[in-house]
Amino acid sequence: MTAFAALATLAPAHAVEELEVELLLEALFQRHGFDFRGYDRGLMRRKLLAVMGQRGLRTLSGLQEQMLHQAGAASAVLRALALAPAPLFADPQHALRARGALGASLRAAAVPRVWLAECGGVGAAWTLAILLQEEGVLARTEMFATLANEDLLADAQAGSIDVAALTGLQEDYARSGGTGVLADYFEVTEGRAALLPELRAHLTWAGYNLVTDASFNEFQAIVCCHALADFGPALRQRVLRLFHESLARFGVLGLGSTLAPEDDIAPCYQALGGQPGWYKRIG
């Protein structure tokens, strides 16, 4: 059953709203090239309704009209639908698991490549860079952080954080296994802190769309711990196959969630003991 045919089974008011969601996502793809049609539909609906309310609109059709004809409206919609940027050390337990999963694995590679797919901004990328530095592998590692949204990519490339926030983040850093002083990894200019240049040198930001783009390299580790939850079933399988095609044998895959038996690639992966959501490719 197609998405449009399924609408016929819904109550009239709800069916109209769902039709508006379908049409808006189709318009977003046709007009701007961003394909959210395979994302979880309930999540897309909630995000779109939030944008509609913020802009004082009564219907999603009104939002679609603005998106097609009003400067800046499409950018606002795209930002709302994209994965929200994560603060530095936002999830200390995830960071602690990343230490255990990536540290030992990457030491075995001569020049390990790590892909942060649909990365949660500088917070996520800099967190991982600091972890890899402390695990002794960053100096020979190439990190690639990709985002589909051009505005968010530009924000990340010019990223910095309020220097006053570093003190408050020290505890989260320590809970992730850090034993030093977090502020030592940053340079400060006019009240803004940026990761030290010698650490940033190992990080490349690039535009990349998980929905439409093909594999672009072979990696020893792929990390995508938040975006996968936004995908519908078909898109989830598409992205998991893309990761499988891009990951070297015995490479590490960090998903932040569990591979299900029905996932196409599941037989080729072995869970890393004590690291939920992290897997090693064995097939």
Protein backbone atom coordinates (compact mmCIF):
# COMPACT_ATOMS: atom_id res chain seq x y z
CA MET A 1 0.00 0.00 0.00
CA THR A 2 1.37 3.42 -0.97
CA ALA A 3 1.55 6.26 1.54
CA PHE A 4 -1.23 8.09 -0.28
CA ALA A 5 -3.47 5.01 -0.42
CA ALA A 6 -3.01 4.52 3.32
CA LEU A 7 -4.49 7.96 3.93
CA ALA A 8 -7.89 6.70 2.83
CA THR A 9 -8.12 4.56 5.98
CA LEU A 10 -7.70 7.56 8.35
CA ALA A 11 -10.33 9.79 9.92
CA PRO A 12 -11.08 12.80 7.65
CA ALA A 13 -9.32 15.53 9.68
CA HIS A 14 -6.30 13.39 10.42
CA ALA A 15 -6.19 12.21 6.81
CA VAL A 16 -6.04 15.80 5.57
CA GLU A 17 -3.15 16.59 7.92
CA GLU A 18 -1.28 13.46 6.89
CA LEU A 19 -1.84 14.36 3.24
CA GLU A 20 -0.40 17.81 3.95
CA VAL A 21 2.69 16.18 5.47
CA GLU A 22 3.12 13.97 2.39
CA LEU A 23 2.75 16.91 0.01
CA LEU A 24 5.09 19.16 2.00
CA LEU A 25 7.84 16.52 2.13
CA GLU A 26 7.39 15.87 -1.58
CA ALA A 27 7.63 19.60 -2.29
CA LEU A 28 10.75 19.86 -0.13
CA PHE A 29 12.35 17.09 -2.18
CA GLN A 30 11.24 18.39 -5.60
CA ARG A 31 12.08 22.03 -4.92
CA HIS A 32 15.15 21.82 -2.66
CA GLY A 33 16.51 18.28 -3.13
CA PHE A 34 16.23 17.16 0.51
CA ASP A 35 14.47 13.83 0.83
CA PHE A 36 12.76 13.30 4.19
CA ARG A 37 10.06 11.04 2.70
CA GLY A 38 11.63 7.91 4.18
CA TYR A 39 11.97 9.34 7.70
CA ASP A 40 9.69 8.29 10.53
CA ARG A 41 6.43 9.94 9.58
CA GLY A 42 5.21 10.60 13.13
CA LEU A 43 8.46 12.42 13.94
CA MET A 44 8.27 14.50 10.76
CA ARG A 45 4.68 15.45 11.53
CA ARG A 46 5.55 16.62 15.06
CA LYS A 47 8.49 18.69 13.84
CA LEU A 48 6.49 20.28 11.05
CA LEU A 49 3.61 21.13 13.37
CA ALA A 50 6.10 22.83 15.71
CA VAL A 51 7.43 24.99 12.84
CA MET A 52 3.85 25.77 11.79
CA GLY A 53 3.07 26.99 15.30
CA GLN A 54 6.25 29.04 15.57
CA ARG A 55 5.37 30.84 12.34
CA GLY A 56 1.78 31.52 13.43
CA LEU A 57 0.21 29.35 10.73
CA ARG A 58 -3.04 27.40 10.95
CA THR A 59 -2.24 24.62 8.47
CA LEU A 60 0.69 22.69 7.04
CA SER A 61 -0.50 23.78 3.60
CA GLY A 62 0.23 27.34 4.70
CA LEU A 63 3.71 26.27 5.75
CA GLN A 64 4.24 24.61 2.38
CA GLU A 65 3.21 27.81 0.60
CA GLN A 66 5.73 29.80 2.65
CA MET A 67 8.41 27.20 2.04
CA LEU A 68 7.92 27.46 -1.72
CA HIS A 69 7.49 31.22 -2.02
CA GLN A 70 8.96 33.01 1.02
CA ALA A 71 12.68 33.64 1.44
CA GLY A 72 14.11 31.87 4.48
CA ALA A 73 11.10 29.63 5.11
CA ALA A 74 12.66 26.55 3.51
CA SER A 75 15.83 27.02 5.57
CA ALA A 76 13.73 27.14 8.76
CA VAL A 77 11.93 23.93 7.81
CA LEU A 78 15.17 22.15 6.92
CA ARG A 79 16.78 23.14 10.23
CA ALA A 80 13.73 21.88 12.12
CA LEU A 81 13.74 18.51 10.35
CA ALA A 82 17.49 17.96 10.70
CA LEU A 83 19.12 16.32 13.69
CA ALA A 84 19.61 18.90 16.44
CA PRO A 85 23.29 19.67 17.24
CA ALA A 86 24.55 18.01 20.42
CA PRO A 87 26.48 19.83 23.17
CA LEU A 88 30.03 18.81 24.03
CA PHE A 89 30.00 15.60 26.12
CA ALA A 90 26.19 15.64 26.00
CA ASP A 91 26.05 11.91 26.83
CA PRO A 92 28.97 10.87 29.07
CA GLN A 93 27.91 7.21 29.05
CA HIS A 94 27.92 7.14 25.24
CA ALA A 95 31.34 8.80 25.26
CA LEU A 96 32.62 6.23 27.76
CA ARG A 97 31.39 3.41 25.52
CA ALA A 98 33.04 5.06 22.52
CA ARG A 99 36.36 5.02 24.36
CA GLY A 100 36.10 1.30 24.94
CA ALA A 101 34.86 0.48 21.46
CA LEU A 102 37.14 2.69 19.37
CA GLY A 103 40.36 2.93 21.35
CA ALA A 104 41.47 -0.69 21.03
CA SER A 105 40.05 -1.14 17.52
CA LEU A 106 41.75 1.84 15.90
CA ARG A 107 45.17 1.12 17.40
CA ALA A 108 45.51 -1.85 15.04
CA ALA A 109 45.16 0.30 11.88
CA ALA A 110 48.08 2.19 10.36
CA VAL A 111 45.98 5.21 9.31
CA PRO A 112 42.46 4.68 10.66
CA ARG A 113 39.58 6.56 9.06
CA VAL A 114 36.49 7.39 11.11
CA TRP A 115 33.19 8.58 9.65
CA LEU A 116 30.79 10.56 11.85
CA ALA A 117 27.67 10.23 9.69
CA GLU A 118 25.03 12.98 10.09
CA CYS A 119 27.18 14.30 12.90
CA GLY A 120 25.64 16.24 15.78
CA GLY A 121 27.73 19.37 15.14
CA VAL A 122 30.98 20.43 16.76
CA GLY A 123 29.87 19.09 20.13
CA ALA A 124 29.75 15.51 18.86
CA ALA A 125 32.82 15.80 16.64
CA TRP A 126 35.03 17.52 19.21
CA THR A 127 33.98 15.07 21.91
CA LEU A 128 35.16 12.17 19.77
CA ALA A 129 38.38 13.96 18.81
CA ILE A 130 39.25 14.49 22.48
CA LEU A 131 38.49 10.84 23.26
CA LEU A 132 40.70 9.62 20.43
CA GLN A 133 43.48 11.97 21.54
CA GLU A 134 43.35 10.53 25.04
CA GLU A 135 43.31 6.99 23.65
CA GLY A 136 46.53 7.78 21.76
CA VAL A 137 45.17 7.29 18.23
CA LEU A 138 44.11 10.75 16.97
CA ALA A 139 47.58 11.70 15.71
CA ARG A 140 47.30 9.14 12.89
CA THR A 141 43.51 9.18 12.45
CA GLU A 142 41.49 10.88 9.71
CA MET A 143 38.02 11.91 10.93
CA PHE A 144 35.25 12.80 8.47
CA ALA A 145 32.15 14.51 9.87
CA THR A 146 29.29 14.82 7.39
CA LEU A 147 25.97 16.68 7.37
CA ALA A 148 23.25 16.97 4.73
CA ASN A 149 22.06 20.42 5.81
CA GLU A 150 24.28 23.15 4.36
CA ASP A 151 23.38 25.68 7.06
CA LEU A 152 24.26 23.26 9.86
CA LEU A 153 27.45 22.32 8.02
CA ALA A 154 28.48 25.98 7.84
CA ASP A 155 27.71 26.38 11.56
CA ALA A 156 29.94 23.39 12.36
CA GLN A 157 32.81 24.57 10.17
CA ALA A 158 32.84 27.91 11.99
CA GLY A 159 31.99 26.35 15.33
CA SER A 160 32.96 27.58 18.77
CA ILE A 161 31.45 27.46 22.24
CA ASP A 162 31.11 29.92 25.09
CA VAL A 163 34.29 29.65 27.16
CA ALA A 164 32.21 29.93 30.35
CA ALA A 165 30.54 26.62 29.48
CA LEU A 166 33.80 24.67 29.68
CA THR A 167 33.93 24.72 33.47
CA GLY A 168 30.43 23.29 33.70
CA LEU A 169 31.31 20.54 31.23
CA GLN A 170 34.30 19.30 33.24
CA GLU A 171 32.13 16.90 35.24
CA ASP A 172 30.56 15.37 32.15
CA TYR A 173 34.02 15.00 30.61
CA ALA A 174 35.24 13.22 33.76
CA ARG A 175 32.21 10.88 33.70
CA SER A 176 33.20 9.92 30.16
CA GLY A 177 36.53 8.65 31.44
CA GLY A 178 38.52 11.86 31.03
CA THR A 179 41.28 12.36 33.58
CA GLY A 180 42.65 15.76 32.53
CA VAL A 181 41.30 19.30 32.37
CA LEU A 182 38.83 19.78 29.54
CA ALA A 183 39.76 23.43 29.03
CA ASP A 184 43.32 22.37 28.11
CA TYR A 185 42.00 21.08 24.77
CA PHE A 186 40.75 24.52 23.70
CA GLU A 187 42.06 27.89 22.58
CA VAL A 188 40.12 30.99 23.59
CA THR A 189 39.47 34.10 21.50
CA GLU A 190 37.17 36.89 22.69
CA GLY A 191 35.24 34.66 25.04
CA ARG A 192 34.75 31.84 22.53
CA ALA A 193 36.52 28.48 22.76
CA ALA A 194 37.54 26.31 19.82
CA LEU A 195 39.28 22.96 19.78
CA LEU A 196 43.06 23.25 19.51
CA PRO A 197 44.25 23.51 15.88
CA GLU A 198 46.44 20.41 16.19
CA LEU A 199 43.33 18.38 17.06
CA ARG A 200 41.07 20.06 14.48
CA ALA A 201 43.65 19.22 11.80
CA HIS A 202 42.48 15.61 11.91
CA LEU A 203 38.82 16.52 11.31
CA THR A 204 37.28 17.19 7.89
CA TRP A 205 33.73 18.53 7.53
CA ALA A 206 31.80 17.72 4.37
CA GLY A 207 28.33 17.77 2.91
CA TYR A 208 26.82 14.31 2.51
CA ASN A 209 23.25 13.02 2.31
CA LEU A 210 22.62 9.57 3.78
CA VAL A 211 19.35 9.31 1.85
CA THR A 212 20.77 9.77 -1.65
CA ASP A 213 24.58 9.59 -1.69
CA ALA A 214 26.77 6.53 -2.30
CA SER A 215 29.70 5.17 -0.32
CA PHE A 216 32.70 7.50 -0.63
CA ASN A 217 35.53 5.70 1.21
CA GLU A 218 36.44 2.71 3.35
CA PHE A 219 36.46 3.33 7.09
CA GLN A 220 37.76 1.52 10.16
CA ALA A 221 34.90 3.00 12.21
CA ILE A 222 31.50 4.54 11.42
CA VAL A 223 29.55 6.40 14.11
CA CYS A 224 25.88 7.32 13.64
CA CYS A 225 24.34 7.26 17.10
CA HIS A 226 21.32 9.55 16.75
CA ALA A 227 20.12 10.01 13.16
CA LEU A 228 19.23 6.35 12.62
CA ALA A 229 16.33 6.61 15.08
CA ASP A 230 14.65 9.19 12.78
CA PHE A 231 14.47 6.81 9.80
CA GLY A 232 11.52 4.74 8.69
CA PRO A 233 12.07 0.98 8.12
CA ALA A 234 13.02 1.12 4.43
CA LEU A 235 15.40 4.06 4.85
CA ARG A 236 16.96 2.39 7.90
CA GLN A 237 17.86 -0.66 5.79
CA ARG A 238 19.21 1.54 3.02
CA VAL A 239 21.51 3.42 5.40
CA LEU A 240 22.66 0.27 7.21
CA ARG A 241 23.63 -1.27 3.84
CA LEU A 242 25.52 1.93 2.99
CA PHE A 243 27.44 1.68 6.26
CA HIS A 244 28.19 -1.99 5.59
CA GLU A 245 29.58 -1.15 2.14
CA SER A 246 31.75 1.57 3.67
CA LEU A 247 33.13 -0.31 6.68
CA ALA A 248 36.33 -2.34 6.53
CA ARG A 249 36.36 -5.96 7.67
CA PHE A 250 36.66 -6.03 11.48
CA GLY A 251 35.77 -2.32 11.56
CA VAL A 252 33.56 -0.88 14.31
CA LEU A 253 30.01 0.38 13.84
CA GLY A 254 28.51 2.67 16.50
CA LEU A 255 24.73 3.03 16.22
CA GLY A 256 23.56 4.07 19.66
CA SER A 257 20.84 1.42 19.32
CA THR A 258 20.58 -2.33 18.87
CA LEU A 259 20.77 -4.08 15.52
CA ALA A 260 17.51 -6.00 15.13
CA PRO A 261 17.28 -9.56 13.73
CA GLU A 262 15.36 -8.16 10.75
CA ASP A 263 18.15 -5.72 9.87
CA ASP A 264 19.72 -6.91 6.61
CA ILE A 265 23.30 -6.57 7.84
CA ALA A 266 22.78 -8.08 11.31
CA PRO A 267 24.34 -11.52 10.50
CA CYS A 268 27.59 -9.80 9.54
CA TYR A 269 28.08 -8.08 12.91
CA GLN A 270 29.04 -9.09 16.41
CA ALA A 271 28.09 -7.02 19.44
CA LEU A 272 31.06 -5.65 21.38
CA GLY A 273 30.83 -6.96 24.93
CA GLY A 274 30.01 -4.29 27.46
CA GLN A 275 29.45 -1.64 24.79
CA PRO A 276 25.71 -1.50 23.95
CA GLY A 277 25.04 -0.19 20.45
CA TRP A 278 28.59 -0.92 19.23
CA TYR A 279 29.41 -3.72 16.80
CA LYS A 280 32.35 -5.26 14.97
CA ARG A 281 32.00 -6.32 11.34
CA ILE A 282 32.84 -10.02 11.05
CA GLY A 283 31.36 -10.84 7.65
